[in-house]
Amino acid sequence: MIGMDFLSFLILLVISIVVSAILHFGFKLYIRTGPDSFISKVVIGWIGAWLGSPVFGHWFEGVAYENVYIIPAILGSIALIIVLGDMVLTFKKVEEETKG
C-alpha cells in the first residue's frame, strides 16, 4: 500500500469523506467546533481506510481495486475516527475536570 496509484488514493479519499460525513453530520460526532472538525475526520479517516486492508484482511475480491479492499477500508476508517475521536473527547473532559 505504500506505492499506491492515484486512483487508489482517490478511492480511499472518497471512502473517508463519506464515512466522515456520516459520523459528523449524521451522528453529530463533533470533536471541535467549526469546519476543521470535519477536515480532521477526513484525514484520520483516510489513514484508517489505508490501514483497513492490512489490519482487517482482504475481503470480497470482487469489490476491490488493486490492494484497496472496500469493506475493510470502510471498517478501518470508521474504527480510527471513532477511537481517536473518543480519545480526544476523553482527554478534553479530564482536562476540564482537573481545571474546575
N, C-alpha and C. Protein backbone atom coordinates (compact mmCIF):
# COMPACT_ATOMS: atom_id res chain seq x y z
N MET A 1 0.81 -1.20 0.00
CA MET A 1 0.00 0.00 0.00
C MET A 1 0.86 1.27 0.00
N ILE A 2 2.15 1.14 0.18
CA ILE A 2 2.99 2.34 0.20
C ILE A 2 3.04 2.98 -1.18
N GLY A 3 3.25 2.20 -2.23
CA GLY A 3 3.36 2.74 -3.57
C GLY A 3 2.05 2.68 -4.32
N MET A 4 1.00 3.28 -3.80
CA MET A 4 -0.30 3.20 -4.44
C MET A 4 -0.41 4.19 -5.59
N ASP A 5 -1.30 3.89 -6.52
CA ASP A 5 -1.53 4.81 -7.62
C ASP A 5 -2.57 5.86 -7.21
N PHE A 6 -2.79 6.82 -8.10
CA PHE A 6 -3.67 7.94 -7.78
C PHE A 6 -5.11 7.50 -7.60
N LEU A 7 -5.56 6.53 -8.39
CA LEU A 7 -6.94 6.07 -8.26
C LEU A 7 -7.18 5.39 -6.91
N SER A 8 -6.20 4.65 -6.42
CA SER A 8 -6.32 4.06 -5.08
C SER A 8 -6.43 5.15 -4.02
N PHE A 9 -5.61 6.19 -4.16
CA PHE A 9 -5.68 7.33 -3.23
C PHE A 9 -7.07 7.96 -3.26
N LEU A 10 -7.63 8.14 -4.46
CA LEU A 10 -8.96 8.76 -4.57
C LEU A 10 -10.05 7.86 -3.98
N ILE A 11 -9.94 6.56 -4.17
CA ILE A 11 -10.92 5.64 -3.59
C ILE A 11 -10.91 5.74 -2.07
N LEU A 12 -9.72 5.76 -1.49
CA LEU A 12 -9.61 5.90 -0.03
C LEU A 12 -10.12 7.26 0.42
N LEU A 13 -9.88 8.30 -0.37
CA LEU A 13 -10.36 9.64 -0.02
C LEU A 13 -11.89 9.71 -0.06
N VAL A 14 -12.50 9.11 -1.06
CA VAL A 14 -13.97 9.10 -1.14
C VAL A 14 -14.56 8.32 0.03
N ILE A 15 -13.98 7.18 0.35
CA ILE A 15 -14.44 6.40 1.50
C ILE A 15 -14.34 7.24 2.76
N SER A 16 -13.22 7.93 2.93
CA SER A 16 -13.01 8.74 4.12
C SER A 16 -14.00 9.90 4.19
N ILE A 17 -14.27 10.56 3.08
CA ILE A 17 -15.21 11.68 3.08
C ILE A 17 -16.62 11.20 3.41
N VAL A 18 -17.04 10.08 2.84
CA VAL A 18 -18.39 9.57 3.10
C VAL A 18 -18.54 9.14 4.55
N VAL A 19 -17.58 8.39 5.06
CA VAL A 19 -17.64 7.94 6.47
C VAL A 19 -17.59 9.14 7.41
N SER A 20 -16.73 10.10 7.12
CA SER A 20 -16.63 11.30 7.96
C SER A 20 -17.91 12.10 7.94
N ALA A 21 -18.53 12.23 6.78
CA ALA A 21 -19.79 12.98 6.68
C ALA A 21 -20.90 12.29 7.47
N ILE A 22 -20.95 10.97 7.39
CA ILE A 22 -21.98 10.24 8.14
C ILE A 22 -21.78 10.40 9.65
N LEU A 23 -20.53 10.28 10.10
CA LEU A 23 -20.26 10.41 11.53
C LEU A 23 -20.41 11.85 12.01
N HIS A 24 -20.02 12.82 11.18
CA HIS A 24 -20.05 14.22 11.59
C HIS A 24 -21.46 14.79 11.54
N PHE A 25 -22.11 14.64 10.38
CA PHE A 25 -23.42 15.27 10.21
C PHE A 25 -24.56 14.35 10.63
N GLY A 26 -24.42 13.05 10.43
CA GLY A 26 -25.49 12.12 10.77
C GLY A 26 -25.54 11.79 12.25
N PHE A 27 -24.38 11.44 12.82
CA PHE A 27 -24.33 11.04 14.22
C PHE A 27 -23.86 12.15 15.15
N LYS A 28 -23.59 13.33 14.59
CA LYS A 28 -23.19 14.51 15.38
C LYS A 28 -21.96 14.24 16.26
N LEU A 29 -20.98 13.56 15.69
CA LEU A 29 -19.72 13.31 16.40
C LEU A 29 -18.82 14.53 16.18
N TYR A 30 -18.90 15.49 17.08
CA TYR A 30 -18.12 16.72 16.96
C TYR A 30 -16.94 16.64 17.92
N ILE A 31 -15.74 16.74 17.37
CA ILE A 31 -14.56 16.77 18.20
C ILE A 31 -14.20 18.22 18.52
N ARG A 32 -14.35 19.08 17.55
CA ARG A 32 -14.12 20.51 17.72
C ARG A 32 -15.28 21.23 17.06
N THR A 33 -15.33 22.53 17.24
CA THR A 33 -16.34 23.31 16.55
C THR A 33 -15.76 23.84 15.25
N GLY A 34 -16.62 24.04 14.28
CA GLY A 34 -16.17 24.60 13.01
C GLY A 34 -15.83 23.54 11.97
N PRO A 35 -15.42 24.01 10.79
CA PRO A 35 -15.15 23.09 9.68
C PRO A 35 -13.88 22.25 9.88
N ASP A 36 -12.99 22.68 10.75
CA ASP A 36 -11.76 21.91 10.95
C ASP A 36 -12.04 20.56 11.61
N SER A 37 -13.17 20.41 12.27
CA SER A 37 -13.55 19.12 12.85
C SER A 37 -13.81 18.10 11.75
N PHE A 38 -14.54 18.52 10.71
CA PHE A 38 -14.83 17.62 9.60
C PHE A 38 -13.56 17.30 8.81
N ILE A 39 -12.73 18.29 8.58
CA ILE A 39 -11.50 18.08 7.82
C ILE A 39 -10.55 17.14 8.57
N SER A 40 -10.47 17.29 9.88
CA SER A 40 -9.62 16.38 10.65
C SER A 40 -10.15 14.95 10.59
N LYS A 41 -11.47 14.79 10.57
CA LYS A 41 -12.05 13.45 10.44
C LYS A 41 -11.71 12.85 9.08
N VAL A 42 -11.70 13.67 8.04
CA VAL A 42 -11.36 13.16 6.71
C VAL A 42 -9.92 12.66 6.68
N VAL A 43 -9.00 13.41 7.28
CA VAL A 43 -7.59 12.99 7.30
C VAL A 43 -7.42 11.71 8.11
N ILE A 44 -8.00 11.67 9.30
CA ILE A 44 -7.91 10.47 10.14
C ILE A 44 -8.62 9.29 9.48
N GLY A 45 -9.75 9.56 8.84
CA GLY A 45 -10.48 8.51 8.15
C GLY A 45 -9.70 7.94 6.98
N TRP A 46 -8.94 8.79 6.27
CA TRP A 46 -8.12 8.29 5.17
C TRP A 46 -7.04 7.35 5.69
N ILE A 47 -6.42 7.72 6.80
CA ILE A 47 -5.39 6.86 7.39
C ILE A 47 -6.02 5.53 7.83
N GLY A 48 -7.20 5.60 8.43
CA GLY A 48 -7.90 4.37 8.84
C GLY A 48 -8.27 3.51 7.65
N ALA A 49 -8.72 4.13 6.56
CA ALA A 49 -9.06 3.37 5.35
C ALA A 49 -7.81 2.75 4.74
N TRP A 50 -6.70 3.47 4.79
CA TRP A 50 -5.44 2.96 4.26
C TRP A 50 -4.96 1.75 5.07
N LEU A 51 -5.17 1.80 6.38
CA LEU A 51 -4.76 0.68 7.24
C LEU A 51 -5.81 -0.44 7.29
N GLY A 52 -6.99 -0.20 6.76
CA GLY A 52 -8.08 -1.17 6.86
C GLY A 52 -7.77 -2.53 6.27
N SER A 53 -7.27 -2.56 5.05
CA SER A 53 -6.99 -3.85 4.41
C SER A 53 -5.87 -4.63 5.09
N PRO A 54 -4.74 -3.99 5.43
CA PRO A 54 -3.71 -4.75 6.13
C PRO A 54 -4.14 -5.25 7.51
N VAL A 55 -4.99 -4.49 8.20
CA VAL A 55 -5.40 -4.87 9.56
C VAL A 55 -6.56 -5.86 9.54
N PHE A 56 -7.61 -5.55 8.79
CA PHE A 56 -8.81 -6.39 8.80
C PHE A 56 -8.77 -7.52 7.78
N GLY A 57 -7.88 -7.46 6.83
CA GLY A 57 -7.75 -8.55 5.86
C GLY A 57 -8.29 -8.16 4.49
N HIS A 58 -8.31 -9.13 3.61
CA HIS A 58 -8.72 -8.91 2.22
C HIS A 58 -10.03 -9.64 1.98
N TRP A 59 -11.12 -8.89 2.07
CA TRP A 59 -12.45 -9.47 1.93
C TRP A 59 -13.03 -9.10 0.57
N PHE A 60 -13.78 -10.00 0.01
CA PHE A 60 -14.54 -9.76 -1.22
C PHE A 60 -13.66 -9.26 -2.36
N GLU A 61 -13.01 -10.20 -3.00
CA GLU A 61 -12.10 -9.89 -4.11
C GLU A 61 -12.81 -9.11 -5.22
N GLY A 62 -14.11 -9.34 -5.39
CA GLY A 62 -14.85 -8.65 -6.45
C GLY A 62 -15.07 -7.18 -6.18
N VAL A 63 -14.98 -6.77 -4.92
CA VAL A 63 -15.20 -5.37 -4.55
C VAL A 63 -13.86 -4.80 -4.10
N ALA A 64 -12.90 -4.82 -5.00
CA ALA A 64 -11.56 -4.33 -4.67
C ALA A 64 -10.93 -3.72 -5.91
N TYR A 65 -10.02 -2.80 -5.68
CA TYR A 65 -9.21 -2.24 -6.75
C TYR A 65 -7.77 -2.29 -6.28
N GLU A 66 -6.93 -2.96 -7.06
CA GLU A 66 -5.53 -3.16 -6.69
C GLU A 66 -5.48 -3.76 -5.27
N ASN A 67 -4.86 -3.07 -4.31
CA ASN A 67 -4.80 -3.55 -2.93
C ASN A 67 -5.80 -2.86 -2.02
N VAL A 68 -6.75 -2.13 -2.59
CA VAL A 68 -7.76 -1.44 -1.79
C VAL A 68 -9.02 -2.30 -1.77
N TYR A 69 -9.29 -2.88 -0.62
CA TYR A 69 -10.50 -3.68 -0.42
C TYR A 69 -11.51 -2.79 0.29
N ILE A 70 -12.66 -2.62 -0.32
CA ILE A 70 -13.62 -1.60 0.09
C ILE A 70 -14.16 -1.82 1.51
N ILE A 71 -14.63 -3.01 1.83
CA ILE A 71 -15.24 -3.27 3.14
C ILE A 71 -14.23 -3.07 4.28
N PRO A 72 -13.03 -3.64 4.22
CA PRO A 72 -12.05 -3.38 5.28
C PRO A 72 -11.63 -1.91 5.35
N ALA A 73 -11.61 -1.22 4.21
CA ALA A 73 -11.27 0.20 4.22
C ALA A 73 -12.35 1.01 4.94
N ILE A 74 -13.60 0.69 4.71
CA ILE A 74 -14.70 1.37 5.40
C ILE A 74 -14.62 1.11 6.90
N LEU A 75 -14.41 -0.16 7.26
CA LEU A 75 -14.31 -0.51 8.68
C LEU A 75 -13.12 0.18 9.35
N GLY A 76 -11.99 0.24 8.66
CA GLY A 76 -10.81 0.90 9.21
C GLY A 76 -11.03 2.39 9.40
N SER A 77 -11.70 3.02 8.44
CA SER A 77 -11.99 4.45 8.55
C SER A 77 -12.92 4.73 9.73
N ILE A 78 -13.97 3.95 9.84
CA ILE A 78 -14.91 4.12 10.97
C ILE A 78 -14.19 3.90 12.30
N ALA A 79 -13.43 2.84 12.37
CA ALA A 79 -12.77 2.50 13.64
C ALA A 79 -11.80 3.57 14.09
N LEU A 80 -10.96 4.06 13.19
CA LEU A 80 -9.96 5.04 13.60
C LEU A 80 -10.59 6.37 13.96
N ILE A 81 -11.62 6.80 13.21
CA ILE A 81 -12.29 8.05 13.55
C ILE A 81 -12.94 7.96 14.92
N ILE A 82 -13.63 6.87 15.19
CA ILE A 82 -14.32 6.73 16.48
C ILE A 82 -13.32 6.61 17.63
N VAL A 83 -12.28 5.80 17.46
CA VAL A 83 -11.31 5.62 18.54
C VAL A 83 -10.57 6.92 18.85
N LEU A 84 -10.05 7.58 17.83
CA LEU A 84 -9.32 8.83 18.08
C LEU A 84 -10.26 9.95 18.55
N GLY A 85 -11.48 9.98 18.00
CA GLY A 85 -12.45 10.97 18.47
C GLY A 85 -12.80 10.77 19.93
N ASP A 86 -12.98 9.52 20.32
CA ASP A 86 -13.29 9.22 21.71
C ASP A 86 -12.12 9.58 22.63
N MET A 87 -10.89 9.31 22.18
CA MET A 87 -9.72 9.67 22.98
C MET A 87 -9.61 11.18 23.17
N VAL A 88 -9.83 11.94 22.11
CA VAL A 88 -9.75 13.40 22.22
C VAL A 88 -10.82 13.92 23.16
N LEU A 89 -12.05 13.44 23.01
CA LEU A 89 -13.13 13.90 23.89
C LEU A 89 -12.88 13.49 25.33
N THR A 90 -12.31 12.33 25.57
CA THR A 90 -11.99 11.90 26.93
C THR A 90 -10.92 12.79 27.54
N PHE A 91 -9.87 13.09 26.78
CA PHE A 91 -8.81 13.96 27.29
C PHE A 91 -9.33 15.37 27.55
N LYS A 92 -10.24 15.86 26.72
CA LYS A 92 -10.84 17.18 26.95
C LYS A 92 -11.63 17.19 28.25
N LYS A 93 -12.40 16.11 28.48
CA LYS A 93 -13.22 16.04 29.68
C LYS A 93 -12.34 15.96 30.93
N VAL A 94 -11.27 15.17 30.88
CA VAL A 94 -10.37 15.05 32.01
C VAL A 94 -9.67 16.38 32.29
N GLU A 95 -9.30 17.08 31.22
CA GLU A 95 -8.66 18.38 31.38
C GLU A 95 -9.61 19.39 32.01
N GLU A 96 -10.87 19.39 31.59
CA GLU A 96 -11.85 20.30 32.18
C GLU A 96 -12.10 19.98 33.65
N GLU A 97 -12.14 18.70 33.99
CA GLU A 97 -12.38 18.31 35.39
C GLU A 97 -11.22 18.69 36.29
N THR A 98 -10.00 18.62 35.78
CA THR A 98 -8.85 18.97 36.61
C THR A 98 -8.71 20.48 36.78
N LYS A 99 -9.20 21.25 35.82
CA LYS A 99 -9.16 22.72 35.93
C LYS A 99 -10.25 23.23 36.86
N GLY A 100 -11.40 22.60 36.82
CA GLY A 100 -12.56 23.12 37.55
C GLY A 100 -12.76 22.50 38.85
